[in-house]
């Protein structure tokens, strides 16, 4: 896919009872006086997001990436059918088709039920809700598939990747 997707991460924020708070990057953490998150690459283009410290309940973690995809053409639905691309919120996993192949974005199956992605030509916004108050660890997976793979195989392979834990 891309080289080191973590390098495309441009901002991290959390949403809680006090509203949205931006976090500053202090490697390997994203933090402010109330919250500390660790975001690290655990395998190629697989990121682990962990809450390390929190002074108040967090409801959502928001990640904003620079979009490295060029010439977005369409998207795949979960059946593998090609749909016109539209800038709307997509559930996890989502599949975006460009000139260079199909890009798959998702959050590990256990956490994915409400994770969402918003993709446009400039940005990829990820929203991960926290179900267990402040005890969160989520694995984000990003993958690129060549056009030689049929759509159903892309979906099958990516779903398998989402359910396979990295040690």
Protein backbone atom coordinates (compact mmCIF):
# COMPACT_ATOMS: atom_id res chain seq x y z
CA UNK A 1 0.00 0.00 0.00
CA UNK A 2 1.63 3.17 1.15
CA UNK A 3 4.93 3.52 2.90
CA UNK A 4 4.41 3.68 6.67
CA UNK A 5 0.80 4.78 6.89
CA UNK A 6 1.51 6.05 10.41
CA UNK A 7 3.56 8.83 8.78
CA UNK A 8 0.35 10.14 7.17
CA UNK A 9 -1.23 10.73 10.61
CA UNK A 10 -1.69 14.49 10.98
CA UNK A 11 -3.87 14.93 14.08
CA UNK A 12 -5.37 13.04 16.99
CA UNK A 13 -8.22 14.17 19.22
CA UNK A 14 -10.53 12.66 21.79
CA UNK A 15 -14.15 13.41 22.51
CA UNK A 16 -15.58 13.21 25.99
CA UNK A 17 -18.05 14.88 28.30
CA UNK A 18 -16.05 18.12 28.06
CA UNK A 19 -16.13 18.19 24.26
CA UNK A 20 -13.31 17.57 21.78
CA UNK A 21 -9.69 17.93 22.90
CA UNK A 22 -6.73 18.01 20.53
CA UNK A 23 -3.66 15.99 21.48
CA UNK A 24 -0.08 16.99 20.67
CA UNK A 25 2.51 14.56 19.39
CA UNK A 26 5.22 13.73 21.89
CA UNK A 27 6.65 10.49 20.39
CA UNK A 28 5.47 7.80 20.85
CA UNK A 29 2.46 9.43 22.54
CA UNK A 30 -0.32 11.86 21.68
CA UNK A 31 -1.23 13.74 24.81
CA UNK A 32 -2.42 16.79 26.66
CA UNK A 33 -2.81 17.46 30.38
CA UNK A 34 -5.85 15.13 30.60
CA UNK A 35 -5.25 12.29 28.13
CA UNK A 36 -2.39 10.19 26.82
CA UNK A 37 -2.72 7.82 23.85
CA UNK A 38 -0.05 5.63 22.33
CA UNK A 39 -0.30 5.04 18.59
CA UNK A 40 2.25 2.66 17.16
CA UNK A 41 2.76 0.54 14.08
CA UNK A 42 2.61 -3.13 15.10
CA UNK A 43 2.98 -4.52 11.57
CA UNK A 44 3.19 -2.95 8.14
CA UNK A 45 0.21 -0.57 7.92
CA UNK A 46 -1.37 -1.94 11.10
CA UNK A 47 -1.66 0.59 13.89
CA UNK A 48 -2.44 -0.06 17.53
CA UNK A 49 -4.20 2.73 19.43
CA UNK A 50 -4.09 2.44 23.23
CA UNK A 51 -5.36 4.70 25.99
CA UNK A 52 -2.48 5.08 28.46
CA UNK A 53 -3.84 7.77 30.78
CA UNK A 54 -7.17 9.55 31.09
CA UNK A 55 -8.60 11.99 33.62
CA UNK A 56 -12.19 11.89 32.31
CA UNK A 57 -14.39 9.50 30.35
CA UNK A 58 -13.57 9.38 26.62
CA UNK A 59 -16.35 8.49 24.19
CA UNK A 60 -14.48 8.69 20.84
CA UNK A 61 -10.95 8.77 19.47
CA UNK A 62 -10.61 10.74 16.22
CA UNK A 63 -7.64 10.21 13.89
CA UNK A 64 -7.00 12.36 10.84
CA UNK A 65 -4.68 11.16 8.07
CA UNK A 66 -3.50 12.80 4.87
CA UNK A 67 -5.06 10.77 2.05
CA UNK A 68 -2.29 9.25 -0.11
CA UNK A 69 -4.72 7.79 -2.68
CA UNK A 70 -4.80 9.38 -6.10
CA UNK A 71 -7.77 9.57 -8.46
CA UNK A 72 -10.46 7.94 -6.34
CA UNK A 73 -12.95 6.34 -8.73
CA UNK A 74 -15.48 4.24 -6.81
CA UNK A 75 -16.01 2.06 -3.77
CA UNK A 76 -17.01 -1.51 -3.06
CA UNK A 77 -19.94 -2.44 -0.89
CA UNK A 78 -19.64 -5.42 1.46
CA UNK A 79 -20.93 -7.73 -1.30
CA UNK A 80 -18.11 -6.70 -3.63
CA UNK A 81 -20.35 -4.66 -5.94
CA UNK A 82 -18.85 -1.45 -7.33
CA UNK A 83 -20.66 1.72 -6.23
CA UNK A 84 -20.00 5.34 -7.21
CA UNK A 85 -17.67 7.05 -4.77
CA UNK A 86 -19.34 9.57 -2.51
CA UNK A 87 -18.00 11.58 0.39
CA UNK A 88 -20.03 10.11 3.21
CA UNK A 89 -19.31 8.25 6.42
CA UNK A 90 -18.45 4.61 5.78
CA UNK A 91 -18.57 1.84 8.35
CA UNK A 92 -15.64 -0.43 9.04
CA UNK A 93 -14.44 -1.99 6.86
CA UNK A 94 -14.55 0.24 3.80
CA UNK A 95 -13.10 -0.28 0.35
CA UNK A 96 -12.07 2.62 -1.92
CA UNK A 97 -11.09 2.09 -5.56
CA UNK A 98 -8.56 4.33 -7.29
CA UNK A 99 -6.39 4.20 -10.39
CA UNK A 100 -3.80 2.18 -8.51
CA UNK A 101 -6.03 -0.49 -6.96
CA UNK A 102 -8.47 -1.04 -4.11
CA UNK A 103 -7.64 0.37 -0.69
CA UNK A 104 -9.18 -1.32 2.33
CA UNK A 105 -9.54 0.38 5.72
CA UNK A 106 -10.83 -1.26 8.84
CA UNK A 107 -10.72 -1.65 12.59
CA UNK A 108 -10.20 -5.08 14.10
CA UNK A 109 -13.45 -7.05 14.18
CA UNK A 110 -13.97 -6.86 17.97
CA UNK A 111 -13.96 -3.06 17.91
CA UNK A 112 -15.38 -2.46 14.45
CA UNK A 113 -19.12 -2.51 15.09
CA UNK A 114 -19.32 1.27 15.25
CA UNK A 115 -15.97 2.50 13.90
CA UNK A 116 -16.32 4.74 10.88
CA UNK A 117 -14.25 6.33 8.14
CA UNK A 118 -14.81 9.50 6.16
CA UNK A 119 -12.70 9.65 3.01
CA UNK A 120 -12.25 12.56 0.63
CA UNK A 121 -9.51 13.52 -1.81
CA UNK A 122 -7.45 15.18 0.93
CA UNK A 123 -8.13 13.35 4.18
CA UNK A 124 -9.09 10.08 5.83
CA UNK A 125 -10.92 10.64 9.12
CA UNK A 126 -11.31 7.71 11.51
CA UNK A 127 -13.76 7.69 14.42
CA UNK A 128 -13.36 4.92 16.99
CA UNK A 129 -16.00 4.87 19.74
CA UNK A 130 -14.99 3.59 23.15
CA UNK A 131 -17.35 0.98 24.53
CA UNK A 132 -15.44 0.22 27.72
CA UNK A 133 -14.79 3.49 29.47
CA UNK A 134 -11.18 4.56 28.94
CA UNK A 135 -9.94 1.00 28.52
CA UNK A 136 -9.28 0.84 24.85
CA UNK A 137 -6.96 -0.84 22.49
CA UNK A 138 -7.93 -0.90 18.83
CA UNK A 139 -6.04 -2.19 15.81
CA UNK A 140 -6.45 -0.25 12.57
CA UNK A 141 -5.58 -2.05 9.36
CA UNK A 142 -4.88 -0.45 5.99
CA UNK A 143 -4.21 -2.52 2.89
CA UNK A 144 -3.92 -2.06 -0.86
CA UNK A 145 -4.97 -4.71 -3.36
CA UNK A 146 -3.98 -4.84 -7.00
CA UNK A 147 -6.66 -4.93 -9.67
CA UNK A 148 -5.81 -8.56 -10.43
CA UNK A 149 -7.81 -9.70 -7.40
CA UNK A 150 -11.56 -10.14 -7.84
CA UNK A 151 -13.67 -7.97 -5.52
CA UNK A 152 -14.96 -10.92 -3.49
CA UNK A 153 -11.41 -12.14 -2.88
CA UNK A 154 -10.34 -8.66 -1.70
CA UNK A 155 -13.19 -8.60 0.80
CA UNK A 156 -12.45 -12.14 1.98
CA UNK A 157 -8.72 -11.49 2.38
CA UNK A 158 -9.24 -8.20 4.21
CA UNK A 159 -11.85 -9.65 6.57
CA UNK A 160 -9.39 -12.42 7.38
CA UNK A 161 -6.70 -9.80 8.06
CA UNK A 162 -9.04 -7.92 10.40
CA UNK A 163 -9.65 -11.06 12.48
CA UNK A 164 -6.00 -12.14 12.62
CA UNK A 165 -4.20 -10.70 15.63
CA UNK A 166 -0.61 -9.58 15.30
CA UNK A 167 1.57 -10.92 18.09
